Amino acid sequence: MWVVATRGKYGYINRQGRMVIPPKFDFAWPFQEGLASAWVGGQGHSQAGYIDATGNFAIGARFDDARGFNEGLAAVQIGGQWSFIDRTGARLTPEDYENLRDFSQQRGAFRMKTKWGYLDTKGTIVISPQYSLAGSFSEDLAWVFHGSHCGYIGLLGNLVISFEFDRCGEFSQNLAPVEAEGRWGFVDNEGKYRIQPRFSNALSFSEGLAAVERRGAWGYINTAGHFVIRPQFFSLNGRQAASSFSEGLACVRRRDKWGFIDHNGTMVIPPQFVRCGNFQHGLAEVCDTPTHCGYIDDRGKYIWAGDR
């Protein structure tokens, strides 16, 4: 199911665009692992719980914030403090945390007394809180900051790539984007540059291609660092103008509108949107005005649209 907003309320449609859970929630996120966080209670009093595929609450609305389930656990907030819960609503640990990151590879990052560490799915601290910032694990590595520089640690907390970068991205296809001295490149899982830093911005690889910015325009490189789609996408305000590929398509910006290209760089869905998301299970969320949004298929045809 796909979450939709219409006239200030949120509900869910199926793949054919039919409303299967009526728009009755103040806010809602997409389903993850069979449950979706949804808010009820009205403005100023709204709280979140988790609904099942029938639209009924499986975990009652009692949280100030609620994220999606990953690996059977979800991060929830009450009164400024965070905790992980399981699918029954039971807490993973009795401790409260200042912030949490979703579980990935059986590791969930937590912040306690301004420092970040990692729990396993049983609630045991496997990496003690010691980092100023921490990311999610991907391909057995997670970026972490020690002071103002980032590097990468393994699943047991061992330092794999030293703290030598200004910014770090997630590993994908055995490469990770990193920034040093204002330029982005890509390193392998030993910290060796496989693509030298020469870009002003870069995203992680997806489907064999990575979006990179060079001289104000965005294009796509392959894992050898060669441009497959030349830099040609840009925005008038200088912001990001390309996204990662998903299901064979990527959202790119031409001046003030977004469209979708294929792996050859061919514009298969013309620029006409003010906002767009990645394709998931054959559909992508788009907005053709700030308040009129919906879902399109891979031919650019709306299967559902409405005013928020």
Foldseek 3Di string as FASTA:
>chain_A
DDWDDFPQFIFDADPLLHTQGDGDFNDWDDADPQWIWTWDDDPPGIFIAIDGPNRDGQGDGDFPDWDYADPQWTWTHDPQWIFIAGSNRHTLDPDTFNDWAHADPQWIWTHDPQFIFIAGSNRHTQGDGDFNDWDYADPQWIWTHDPQFIAIAGPNGHGQGDGQFRDWAYADPQWIWTHDPQFIFIAGSNRHTQGDTDFNDWDYADPQWIWTHDPLFIFIDGSNHDTQGDGDFHEPVSDDAWDYADPQWIWGHHHQFIFIAGSNRDGQGDTQFNDWDYDDPQWIWTHNDPFKIAIAGPNRHGSYIHGD
